[in-house]
Amino acid sequence: MNLAHLLERAALQHPARPAIFSGTRCVATHSDWALCAARVGAHLRAAGLAPGDRVVIFMRNHPRYLELMFGAWWAGLVVVPVNAKLHLKEVQWIVENAAARWAFVTSDVAPDPAALTGLDGVMDAESATCSAWLEGGEGLPAIEERAAEDTAWLFYTSGTTGRPKGVMLTHRNLMTMGLTYFNDVDHVDPQDAIAYAAPMSHGAGIYAIPHLMAGARHVVPASGGFDAAELFALGRQLGPLSLFAAPTIVKRIVDEAEAQGLAPEQCGQSFKTIVYGGAPMYAADIQRALRAMGPRFVQIYGQGESPMVGTALSRAHLADASHPRHAERLASVGVAQTPVRIRVAGPSGEPLQPGVVGEVLIQGDSVMAGYWRNHEATAAAVRDGWLWTGDMGALDADGFLTLKDRSKDLIISGGSNIYPREVEEVLLTAPGVAEVAVVGAPDPEWGEIVVAFVVPQPGAALDARTLDAFCLDQIARFKRPKRYEIVDALPKNNYGKVLKTVLRERLAVDT
């Protein structure tokens, strides 16, 4: 089983079908794409790389990303995707930890390729040499056969605490993810187009797999990143787009729709489906998105350790406003996707009753093979086939999972458990509030107290007294923040997740 066979299949069945776009310009058919990948694979093998060797891709979003990724797989190699926003020293650490042999870069993120050391080769994806690799040579060298359990994608977690860990995702893991998309996320037709606005080094990139399975189009915006106005224009020109987006991107798309004064049906000319995940999407935000843009949203919950596969909240769930528990479902992350089981468990792994909060566990063919060269971390994360996610949540009687927080984010104040997300959900509905992050701060009397970092909407004036009165009207007194910090922005990692570790460190310095 080699994911490159998906590309070979598409090229044989639909050779002339447009496949890869740079903006509105088609740069490769499926046949072109397969030829380029085969040539890349042949060159990498000729350079001495053997099946199982690691190839780093450290690039901004770029049409050649797909050709190089599948080229590495064609040769039986392991792709190591690296976020383009990382510092070169962070990339070097990944190169060394992965024992990578080759790297593809773009000059905007790696202006001096020689700065990455310990590699057999570093190639600028926009160089004449790379063009010669992609365009020269005839024929299709055979795809290197791989076992289903062989690693295909070595994804390094964002590393908000300590060094990142390399998540080993196999060909089976990613094939499972691809097939699951059609049943649990969205139907894909050949005329559909997926746009890569979020980093291709993460979930957006591996969503290329189901769209390749369907023979759909792959669109890299000319900007190489996210620009809401550009996406609206691209969709109107190429047909409605699908994309994966973090909640921060969703909010900006909704902002743009409102700024342009677009009705939901007009938004439908630009967007078919927006899959969101990777960080909490609060009920108030998704309600606003649905009002502005209509039923174009699907939520997924998973982790890098179970890529894009955990639970899904379908557009039907989101649209079913007549359901008596619709509000509760909007605040959930949906039900288990088809190939996995979801369990909420106590400390010993015992299943908990509906409504009881515990740690979220995932079991199925999407769960990683383990952490690269880290047996201790693997043993802690995967036990008896179950992935211990570190997320706290509760299942309801219908199987809908509602996340509370990361286990480390739980605040225990005066002996009472307080889940920051519950407080954040309330504060986000307060007038003038744009973003919120709630953390615990050490306190000699209470053990911990609740601290809210609040970002105001443009032009809004917020004060602690007003926010506190609002909370007291919505939640129990013991849950309300004891302290409010009005800030211009929240610290976030390269994928848009709020870095609560940084906020805790800020509080520690202040005390």
Protein backbone atom coordinates (compact mmCIF):
# COMPACT_ATOMS: atom_id res chain seq x y z
CA MET A 1 0.00 0.00 0.00
CA ASN A 2 1.52 3.27 -1.16
CA LEU A 3 -0.43 6.54 -1.29
CA ALA A 4 1.30 7.29 -4.59
CA HIS A 5 -0.90 4.62 -6.19
CA LEU A 6 -3.81 7.05 -5.74
CA LEU A 7 -2.06 9.51 -8.05
CA GLU A 8 -1.20 6.79 -10.57
CA ARG A 9 -4.85 5.70 -10.58
CA ALA A 10 -6.11 9.26 -11.17
CA ALA A 11 -3.61 9.78 -14.00
CA LEU A 12 -4.66 6.57 -15.74
CA GLN A 13 -8.38 7.22 -15.41
CA HIS A 14 -8.46 10.97 -16.06
CA PRO A 15 -5.13 12.01 -17.60
CA ALA A 16 -6.31 15.32 -19.07
CA ARG A 17 -8.44 16.44 -16.11
CA PRO A 18 -7.11 19.70 -14.55
CA ALA A 19 -5.52 18.91 -11.20
CA ILE A 20 -3.29 21.65 -9.74
CA PHE A 21 -3.91 25.40 -9.93
CA SER A 22 -1.82 28.41 -8.99
CA GLY A 23 -4.53 30.96 -8.43
CA THR A 24 -6.82 30.63 -11.44
CA ARG A 25 -4.11 29.18 -13.69
CA CYS A 26 -3.99 25.41 -14.22
CA VAL A 27 -0.37 24.27 -13.90
CA ALA A 28 -0.83 20.49 -14.07
CA THR A 29 -3.30 17.85 -15.20
CA HIS A 30 -3.46 14.57 -13.30
CA SER A 31 -1.13 13.06 -15.90
CA ASP A 32 1.32 15.96 -15.52
CA TRP A 33 1.22 15.61 -11.75
CA ALA A 34 1.96 11.88 -11.90
CA LEU A 35 4.83 12.39 -14.35
CA CYS A 36 6.36 15.08 -12.13
CA ALA A 37 6.03 12.90 -9.03
CA ALA A 38 7.58 9.92 -10.79
CA ARG A 39 10.52 12.02 -11.96
CA VAL A 40 11.08 13.42 -8.47
CA GLY A 41 10.99 9.91 -7.07
CA ALA A 42 13.49 8.69 -9.65
CA HIS A 43 15.90 11.55 -8.91
CA LEU A 44 15.69 10.97 -5.16
CA ARG A 45 16.42 7.28 -5.59
CA ALA A 46 19.32 8.14 -7.93
CA ALA A 47 20.66 10.45 -5.22
CA GLY A 48 21.00 7.40 -2.97
CA LEU A 49 17.85 7.64 -0.86
CA ALA A 50 16.33 4.31 0.12
CA PRO A 51 12.74 3.42 1.04
CA GLY A 52 11.96 4.68 4.53
CA ASP A 53 14.42 7.60 4.38
CA ARG A 54 13.03 10.97 5.44
CA VAL A 55 12.50 13.99 3.17
CA VAL A 56 11.75 17.37 4.75
CA ILE A 57 9.37 19.78 3.00
CA PHE A 58 9.93 23.28 4.41
CA MET A 59 7.93 25.47 2.04
CA ARG A 60 5.19 28.01 1.95
CA ASN A 61 2.02 26.78 0.30
CA HIS A 62 3.04 26.17 -3.30
CA PRO A 63 1.74 24.10 -6.27
CA ARG A 64 4.97 22.11 -6.25
CA TYR A 65 4.31 21.01 -2.68
CA LEU A 66 1.92 18.36 -3.99
CA GLU A 67 4.30 17.19 -6.71
CA LEU A 68 7.22 16.88 -4.30
CA MET A 69 5.18 15.20 -1.58
CA PHE A 70 3.86 12.52 -3.92
CA GLY A 71 7.29 12.27 -5.53
CA ALA A 72 8.76 11.29 -2.18
CA TRP A 73 6.01 8.72 -1.68
CA TRP A 74 6.55 7.41 -5.24
CA ALA A 75 10.10 6.51 -4.15
CA GLY A 76 8.90 4.91 -0.90
CA LEU A 77 10.20 7.76 1.26
CA VAL A 78 8.77 9.39 4.37
CA VAL A 79 7.56 13.00 4.11
CA VAL A 80 8.45 15.28 7.03
CA PRO A 81 6.22 18.37 6.66
CA VAL A 82 7.52 21.47 8.45
CA ASN A 83 5.49 24.61 9.04
CA ALA A 84 6.87 27.50 7.01
CA LYS A 85 6.60 29.85 9.99
CA LEU A 86 9.14 27.99 12.10
CA HIS A 87 12.53 29.50 12.88
CA LEU A 88 15.44 27.91 11.01
CA LYS A 89 16.89 26.65 14.32
CA GLU A 90 13.60 24.84 15.02
CA VAL A 91 13.70 23.31 11.54
CA GLN A 92 17.29 22.21 12.06
CA TRP A 93 16.27 20.39 15.23
CA ILE A 94 13.56 18.52 13.30
CA VAL A 95 16.03 17.66 10.53
CA GLU A 96 18.40 16.16 13.09
CA ASN A 97 15.75 14.39 15.13
CA ALA A 98 14.20 12.83 12.04
CA ALA A 99 17.65 11.95 10.65
CA ALA A 100 16.40 13.41 7.38
CA ARG A 101 18.49 13.02 4.22
CA TRP A 102 16.94 15.58 1.89
CA ALA A 103 14.95 18.82 2.07
CA PHE A 104 12.86 20.88 -0.32
CA VAL A 105 12.52 24.56 0.59
CA THR A 106 11.33 27.87 -0.81
CA SER A 107 13.63 30.86 -0.65
CA ASP A 108 11.21 33.02 1.33
CA VAL A 109 11.43 30.67 4.33
CA ALA A 110 14.97 29.41 3.73
CA PRO A 111 16.91 32.14 1.87
CA ASP A 112 20.17 30.27 2.50
CA PRO A 113 19.48 26.56 1.95
CA ALA A 114 23.02 25.75 3.10
CA ALA A 115 22.02 26.87 6.58
CA LEU A 116 20.21 23.53 6.96
CA THR A 117 23.02 21.12 7.71
CA GLY A 118 23.48 17.36 7.91
CA LEU A 119 21.50 16.66 4.73
CA ASP A 120 22.59 14.99 1.51
CA GLY A 121 20.80 17.69 -0.44
CA VAL A 122 18.69 20.84 -0.05
CA MET A 123 16.78 22.05 -3.10
CA ASP A 124 14.87 25.28 -3.69
CA ALA A 125 11.51 24.20 -5.11
CA GLU A 126 11.47 27.25 -7.39
CA SER A 127 15.00 26.72 -8.75
CA ALA A 128 15.93 25.77 -12.28
CA THR A 129 17.34 22.51 -10.93
CA CYS A 130 13.99 21.56 -9.43
CA SER A 131 12.24 22.51 -12.66
CA ALA A 132 14.59 20.20 -14.51
CA TRP A 133 13.74 17.39 -12.11
CA LEU A 134 10.03 17.91 -12.64
CA GLU A 135 10.10 18.43 -16.40
CA GLY A 136 12.91 16.20 -17.64
CA GLY A 137 12.84 12.50 -18.38
CA GLU A 138 10.32 10.17 -19.91
CA GLY A 139 8.28 7.25 -18.67
CA LEU A 140 6.87 6.39 -15.30
CA PRO A 141 9.26 4.58 -12.98
CA ALA A 142 7.47 1.97 -10.91
CA ILE A 143 6.10 3.05 -7.57
CA GLU A 144 8.04 1.63 -4.64
CA GLU A 145 5.86 -0.87 -2.83
CA ARG A 146 5.26 -0.15 0.86
CA ALA A 147 3.46 -2.03 3.61
CA ALA A 148 0.30 -0.52 5.04
CA GLU A 149 2.08 -0.05 8.38
CA ASP A 150 5.09 1.75 6.90
CA THR A 151 5.41 5.40 7.88
CA ALA A 152 4.35 7.89 5.20
CA TRP A 153 4.09 11.20 7.08
CA LEU A 154 6.29 12.15 10.04
CA PHE A 155 4.47 15.09 11.54
CA TYR A 156 6.05 17.04 14.38
CA THR A 157 3.61 18.35 16.95
CA SER A 158 3.66 22.07 17.55
CA GLY A 159 5.59 21.71 20.78
CA THR A 160 3.84 24.26 22.97
CA THR A 161 5.66 22.68 25.89
CA GLY A 162 9.13 21.23 25.42
CA ARG A 163 10.44 19.79 22.18
CA PRO A 164 7.95 18.61 19.56
CA LYS A 165 7.40 14.90 19.08
CA GLY A 166 7.43 13.21 15.69
CA VAL A 167 4.07 11.53 15.03
CA MET A 168 4.48 8.50 12.77
CA LEU A 169 1.49 8.28 10.42
CA THR A 170 1.35 5.25 8.17
CA HIS A 171 -0.03 4.74 4.68
CA ARG A 172 -2.96 2.95 6.34
CA ASN A 173 -3.57 5.90 8.70
CA LEU A 174 -3.78 8.38 5.83
CA MET A 175 -5.74 6.05 3.55
CA THR A 176 -8.26 5.65 6.37
CA MET A 177 -8.47 9.40 6.79
CA GLY A 178 -9.04 9.86 3.06
CA LEU A 179 -11.84 7.31 2.80
CA THR A 180 -13.49 8.58 5.97
CA TYR A 181 -13.80 12.08 4.53
CA PHE A 182 -16.54 11.02 2.10
CA ASN A 183 -18.72 9.40 4.74
CA ASP A 184 -18.30 11.72 7.68
CA VAL A 185 -17.18 15.10 6.35
CA ASP A 186 -18.26 15.87 2.79
CA HIS A 187 -19.06 14.40 -0.61
CA VAL A 188 -16.50 15.33 -3.28
CA ASP A 189 -17.17 15.53 -7.03
CA PRO A 190 -14.50 15.76 -9.75
CA GLN A 191 -15.45 19.36 -10.50
CA ASP A 192 -14.90 20.36 -6.86
CA ALA A 193 -11.86 22.33 -5.78
CA ILE A 194 -9.97 22.33 -2.49
CA ALA A 195 -8.12 25.54 -1.67
CA TYR A 196 -4.98 25.50 0.46
CA ALA A 197 -5.23 28.59 2.65
CA ALA A 198 -4.07 26.94 5.89
CA PRO A 199 -0.53 25.46 6.01
CA MET A 200 -0.10 22.45 3.74
CA SER A 201 2.27 21.06 6.36
CA HIS A 202 -0.76 20.27 8.54
CA GLY A 203 -4.32 19.09 8.04
CA ALA A 204 -4.91 21.19 4.93
CA GLY A 205 -2.14 19.30 3.15
CA ILE A 206 -3.32 15.80 3.93
CA TYR A 207 -6.85 16.71 2.84
CA ALA A 208 -5.29 16.53 -0.63
CA ILE A 209 -5.71 12.76 -0.30
CA PRO A 210 -9.53 12.49 -0.40
CA HIS A 211 -9.71 15.14 -3.11
CA LEU A 212 -7.19 13.19 -5.18
CA MET A 213 -9.27 10.06 -4.63
CA ALA A 214 -12.24 11.90 -6.16
CA GLY A 215 -10.24 13.39 -9.04
CA ALA A 216 -11.00 16.93 -7.85
CA ARG A 217 -8.96 20.12 -8.34
CA HIS A 218 -6.29 21.49 -5.99
CA VAL A 219 -5.95 25.27 -5.74
CA VAL A 220 -3.04 27.11 -4.16
CA PRO A 221 -3.92 30.82 -3.88
CA ALA A 222 -1.49 33.08 -5.72
CA SER A 223 -0.60 34.70 -2.39
CA GLY A 224 0.54 31.32 -1.08
CA GLY A 225 -1.45 31.81 2.10
CA PHE A 226 -4.67 33.09 3.56
CA ASP A 227 -6.40 36.18 2.28
CA ALA A 228 -10.16 36.20 2.72
CA ALA A 229 -10.90 38.56 -0.17
CA GLU A 230 -8.66 36.48 -2.47
CA LEU A 231 -10.56 33.30 -1.53
CA PHE A 232 -13.94 34.87 -2.23
CA ALA A 233 -12.69 35.99 -5.65
CA LEU A 234 -11.09 32.60 -6.41
CA GLY A 235 -14.31 30.80 -5.58
CA ARG A 236 -16.34 33.04 -7.86
CA GLN A 237 -13.89 32.37 -10.72
CA LEU A 238 -13.21 28.64 -10.26
CA GLY A 239 -16.43 27.52 -8.63
CA PRO A 240 -17.22 27.09 -4.95
CA LEU A 241 -14.18 26.10 -2.90
CA SER A 242 -13.72 23.62 -0.09
CA LEU A 243 -11.05 24.21 2.50
CA PHE A 244 -9.82 23.28 5.93
CA ALA A 245 -9.52 26.19 8.33
CA ALA A 246 -8.70 26.88 11.93
CA PRO A 247 -11.41 28.83 13.78
CA THR A 248 -9.35 32.03 13.49
CA ILE A 249 -9.48 31.73 9.68
CA VAL A 250 -13.22 31.01 9.77
CA LYS A 251 -13.79 34.21 11.75
CA ARG A 252 -11.85 36.23 9.18
CA ILE A 253 -13.81 34.70 6.31
CA VAL A 254 -17.06 35.62 8.08
CA ASP A 255 -15.71 39.13 8.71
CA GLU A 256 -15.02 39.47 4.98
CA ALA A 257 -18.50 38.23 4.05
CA GLU A 258 -20.04 40.83 6.33
CA ALA A 259 -17.68 43.56 5.13
CA GLN A 260 -18.69 42.85 1.52
CA GLY A 261 -22.36 42.78 2.50
CA LEU A 262 -22.84 39.31 1.04
CA ALA A 263 -26.00 37.27 1.59
CA PRO A 264 -25.59 33.56 2.43
CA GLU A 265 -26.50 32.51 -1.13
CA GLN A 266 -23.80 34.86 -2.47
CA CYS A 267 -21.27 33.26 -0.11
CA GLY A 268 -22.30 29.96 -1.69
CA GLN A 269 -20.87 31.16 -5.01
CA SER A 270 -17.41 31.17 -3.41
CA PHE A 271 -17.52 28.38 -0.82
CA LYS A 272 -18.95 24.89 -0.93
CA THR A 273 -17.62 23.53 2.38
CA ILE A 274 -15.46 24.95 5.15
CA VAL A 275 -14.16 22.25 7.46
CA TYR A 276 -13.01 23.72 10.75
CA GLY A 277 -11.01 22.20 13.56
CA GLY A 278 -7.63 22.27 15.29
CA ALA A 279 -8.82 24.56 18.08
CA PRO A 280 -12.11 25.30 19.86
CA MET A 281 -14.87 26.93 17.83
CA TYR A 282 -17.19 28.54 20.28
CA ALA A 283 -20.95 28.32 19.93
CA ALA A 284 -21.32 32.07 19.47
CA ASP A 285 -18.82 32.07 16.62
CA ILE A 286 -20.40 29.21 14.67
CA GLN A 287 -23.87 30.70 15.14
CA ARG A 288 -22.60 33.94 13.64
CA ALA A 289 -20.93 32.03 10.78
CA LEU A 290 -24.14 30.16 9.97
CA ARG A 291 -26.15 33.38 9.96
CA ALA A 292 -23.68 35.12 7.67
CA MET A 293 -22.83 32.31 5.26
CA GLY A 294 -25.44 29.58 5.55
CA PRO A 295 -24.93 25.79 5.97
CA ARG A 296 -21.40 25.49 4.58
CA PHE A 297 -19.61 24.31 7.70
CA VAL A 298 -18.48 20.97 9.08
CA GLN A 299 -16.54 20.59 12.30
CA ILE A 300 -14.00 17.84 12.81
CA TYR A 301 -12.11 16.88 15.93
CA GLY A 302 -8.95 14.85 15.83
CA GLN A 303 -5.30 15.22 16.66
CA GLY A 304 -2.03 14.93 14.81
CA GLU A 305 -1.92 11.49 16.40
CA SER A 306 -5.23 10.59 14.70
CA PRO A 307 -5.12 12.90 11.71
CA MET A 308 -8.44 14.65 11.06
CA VAL A 309 -10.29 11.61 12.39
CA GLY A 310 -12.07 11.60 15.72
CA THR A 311 -15.51 13.12 15.66
CA ALA A 312 -17.48 15.19 13.16
CA LEU A 313 -20.33 17.65 13.51
CA SER A 314 -22.00 17.55 10.11
CA ARG A 315 -23.67 20.38 8.25
CA ALA A 316 -26.96 18.57 8.91
CA HIS A 317 -26.29 18.65 12.67
CA LEU A 318 -25.37 22.32 12.46
CA ALA A 319 -28.45 23.19 10.40
CA ASP A 320 -31.01 21.25 12.48
CA ALA A 321 -32.21 24.20 14.55
CA SER A 322 -35.47 22.39 15.35
CA HIS A 323 -33.72 19.76 17.46
CA PRO A 324 -34.48 20.28 21.17
CA ARG A 325 -30.76 20.05 22.03
CA HIS A 326 -29.50 22.05 19.05
CA ALA A 327 -27.70 24.59 21.26
CA GLU A 328 -25.87 21.83 23.11
CA ARG A 329 -24.92 20.16 19.84
CA LEU A 330 -23.51 23.42 18.47
CA ALA A 331 -21.18 23.49 21.46
CA SER A 332 -20.09 19.88 20.83
CA VAL A 333 -17.60 18.44 18.34
CA GLY A 334 -20.08 15.89 17.01
CA VAL A 335 -20.16 12.12 16.96
CA ALA A 336 -17.51 9.47 16.33
CA GLN A 337 -16.35 9.23 12.73
CA THR A 338 -16.99 5.88 11.06
CA PRO A 339 -13.61 4.10 11.50
CA VAL A 340 -13.04 4.97 15.17
CA ARG A 341 -14.49 4.46 18.61
CA ILE A 342 -14.62 7.31 21.09
CA ARG A 343 -14.53 6.73 24.83
CA VAL A 344 -14.58 9.12 27.75
CA ALA A 345 -12.59 7.43 30.48
CA GLY A 346 -11.47 7.73 34.06
CA PRO A 347 -7.81 7.58 35.14
CA SER A 348 -7.66 3.79 34.73
CA GLY A 349 -9.32 3.79 31.32
CA GLU A 350 -12.74 2.75 32.59
CA PRO A 351 -15.65 4.09 30.47
CA LEU A 352 -17.65 6.83 32.17
CA GLN A 353 -21.39 7.35 32.06
CA PRO A 354 -22.96 9.96 29.75
CA GLY A 355 -22.49 13.47 31.07
CA VAL A 356 -19.48 12.61 33.22
CA VAL A 357 -16.26 14.44 32.33
CA GLY A 358 -13.13 12.39 31.71
CA GLU A 359 -10.28 12.03 29.25
CA VAL A 360 -11.15 11.49 25.58
CA LEU A 361 -9.79 8.27 24.07
CA ILE A 362 -9.74 7.28 20.37
CA GLN A 363 -9.34 3.79 18.92
CA GLY A 364 -9.17 2.85 15.23
CA ASP A 365 -7.07 2.58 12.07
CA SER A 366 -6.36 6.30 12.03
CA VAL A 367 -4.37 6.19 15.30
CA MET A 368 -0.65 6.74 14.83
CA ALA A 369 1.97 4.02 14.89
CA GLY A 370 3.71 5.93 17.68
CA TYR A 371 6.16 8.75 18.33
CA TRP A 372 9.41 8.70 16.38
CA ARG A 373 12.22 7.25 18.50
CA ASN A 374 10.29 7.92 21.71
CA HIS A 375 9.05 4.66 23.17
CA GLU A 376 8.26 6.20 26.56
CA ALA A 377 5.94 8.85 25.10
CA THR A 378 4.33 6.25 22.81
CA ALA A 379 3.60 3.93 25.73
CA ALA A 380 2.01 6.80 27.66
CA ALA A 381 -0.14 7.95 24.73
CA VAL A 382 -1.33 4.62 23.25
CA ARG A 383 -2.51 1.97 25.71
CA ASP A 384 -4.26 -1.22 24.63
CA GLY A 385 -4.88 0.35 21.24
CA TRP A 386 -6.51 3.50 22.66
CA LEU A 387 -5.03 6.95 22.07
CA TRP A 388 -5.14 9.02 25.25
CA THR A 389 -5.68 12.48 23.79
CA GLY A 390 -5.13 14.63 26.88
CA ASP A 391 -8.45 16.33 26.11
CA MET A 392 -11.21 16.38 28.69
CA GLY A 393 -14.80 15.97 27.59
CA ALA A 394 -18.15 14.28 28.09
CA LEU A 395 -20.39 12.20 25.86
CA ASP A 396 -24.15 12.68 25.91
CA ALA A 397 -26.70 9.89 25.57
CA ASP A 398 -26.73 10.32 21.77
CA GLY A 399 -22.94 10.02 21.40
CA PHE A 400 -22.16 13.71 20.93
CA LEU A 401 -18.82 14.68 22.43
CA THR A 402 -18.41 18.04 24.15
CA LEU A 403 -14.85 19.05 24.93
CA LYS A 404 -14.11 20.82 28.14
CA ASP A 405 -10.38 21.43 28.01
CA ARG A 406 -6.97 19.89 27.82
CA SER A 407 -6.42 17.92 31.03
CA LYS A 408 -3.58 20.26 31.96
CA ASP A 409 -5.89 23.28 31.52
CA LEU A 410 -8.35 22.18 34.23
CA ILE A 411 -8.49 24.75 37.03
CA ILE A 412 -9.06 23.50 40.58
CA SER A 413 -10.09 26.42 42.79
CA GLY A 414 -11.11 25.84 46.39
CA GLY A 415 -11.54 22.14 45.62
CA SER A 416 -13.96 22.80 42.72
CA ASN A 417 -13.20 21.84 39.10
CA ILE A 418 -13.54 24.70 36.64
CA TYR A 419 -13.26 24.13 32.90
CA PRO A 420 -11.89 27.24 31.17
CA ARG A 421 -13.84 26.64 27.98
CA GLU A 422 -17.12 26.96 29.87
CA VAL A 423 -16.10 30.42 31.08
CA GLU A 424 -14.77 31.37 27.64
CA GLU A 425 -18.08 30.43 26.02
CA VAL A 426 -19.87 32.87 28.33
CA LEU A 427 -17.44 35.76 27.93
CA LEU A 428 -17.52 35.48 24.14
CA THR A 429 -21.19 36.43 24.23
CA ALA A 430 -20.48 39.63 26.20
CA PRO A 431 -20.82 42.88 24.21
CA GLY A 432 -17.55 44.12 22.79
CA VAL A 433 -15.56 40.90 23.30
CA ALA A 434 -13.62 39.53 20.31
CA GLU A 435 -11.45 36.76 21.83
CA VAL A 436 -10.98 35.17 25.24
CA ALA A 437 -8.55 32.78 26.89
CA VAL A 438 -9.03 31.61 30.48
CA VAL A 439 -6.24 30.11 32.58
CA GLY A 440 -5.54 29.33 36.21
CA ALA A 441 -3.10 31.30 38.34
CA PRO A 442 -1.58 30.01 41.61
CA ASP A 443 -3.24 31.42 44.71
CA PRO A 444 -2.24 30.79 48.35
CA GLU A 445 -5.83 30.70 49.57
CA TRP A 446 -7.73 29.00 46.76
CA GLY A 447 -4.96 26.93 45.19
CA GLU A 448 -5.79 28.52 41.83
CA ILE A 449 -7.90 31.42 40.71
CA VAL A 450 -9.54 31.98 37.32
CA VAL A 451 -7.92 34.66 35.13
CA ALA A 452 -9.48 35.80 31.85
CA PHE A 453 -7.43 37.40 29.06
CA VAL A 454 -9.90 39.37 26.93
CA VAL A 455 -9.37 40.96 23.50
CA PRO A 456 -11.90 43.75 22.76
CA GLN A 457 -13.58 44.24 19.43
CA PRO A 458 -12.30 47.26 17.48
CA GLY A 459 -13.52 50.44 19.15
CA ALA A 460 -14.98 48.65 22.17
CA ALA A 461 -14.10 49.73 25.71
CA LEU A 462 -14.11 46.89 28.22
CA ASP A 463 -13.65 46.96 31.97
CA ALA A 464 -13.44 44.29 34.63
CA ARG A 465 -16.55 45.40 36.51
CA THR A 466 -18.82 45.09 33.46
CA LEU A 467 -17.36 41.74 32.46
CA ASP A 468 -17.73 40.42 35.99
CA ALA A 469 -21.36 41.46 36.18
CA PHE A 470 -21.99 39.72 32.88
CA CYS A 471 -20.41 36.49 34.15
CA LEU A 472 -22.35 36.59 37.40
CA ASP A 473 -25.52 36.72 35.35
CA GLN A 474 -24.54 33.64 33.32
CA ILE A 475 -22.56 31.17 35.44
CA ALA A 476 -22.01 30.11 39.03
CA ARG A 477 -20.13 32.60 41.17
CA PHE A 478 -17.24 30.22 41.88
CA LYS A 479 -16.55 29.83 38.14
CA ARG A 480 -16.26 33.51 37.31
CA PRO A 481 -12.81 35.03 36.80
CA LYS A 482 -11.22 36.68 39.79
CA ARG A 483 -9.10 38.76 37.45
CA TYR A 484 -9.55 40.21 33.97
CA GLU A 485 -6.66 41.19 31.72
CA ILE A 486 -7.63 43.37 28.75
CA VAL A 487 -5.07 42.68 25.98
CA ASP A 488 -4.57 43.62 22.33
CA ALA A 489 -4.02 40.04 21.17
CA LEU A 490 -3.62 36.47 22.41
CA PRO A 491 -0.37 34.57 21.81
CA LYS A 492 -0.84 31.82 19.22
CA ASN A 493 1.26 29.10 17.65
CA ASN A 494 1.83 28.66 13.94
CA TYR A 495 -1.51 26.86 13.50
CA GLY A 496 -3.59 29.49 15.30
CA LYS A 497 -3.96 27.72 18.66
CA VAL A 498 -3.86 29.97 21.70
CA LEU A 499 -0.70 29.37 23.73
CA LYS A 500 -2.06 29.15 27.24
CA THR A 501 1.40 28.12 28.44
CA VAL A 502 2.62 31.62 27.49
CA LEU A 503 -0.29 33.22 29.38
CA ARG A 504 0.51 31.18 32.49
CA GLU A 505 4.15 32.21 32.23
CA ARG A 506 3.06 35.84 31.94
CA LEU A 507 1.04 35.50 35.12
CA ALA A 508 3.96 33.86 36.91
CA VAL A 509 6.20 36.80 36.02
CA ASP A 510 3.57 39.30 37.16
CA THR A 511 3.32 37.63 40.58
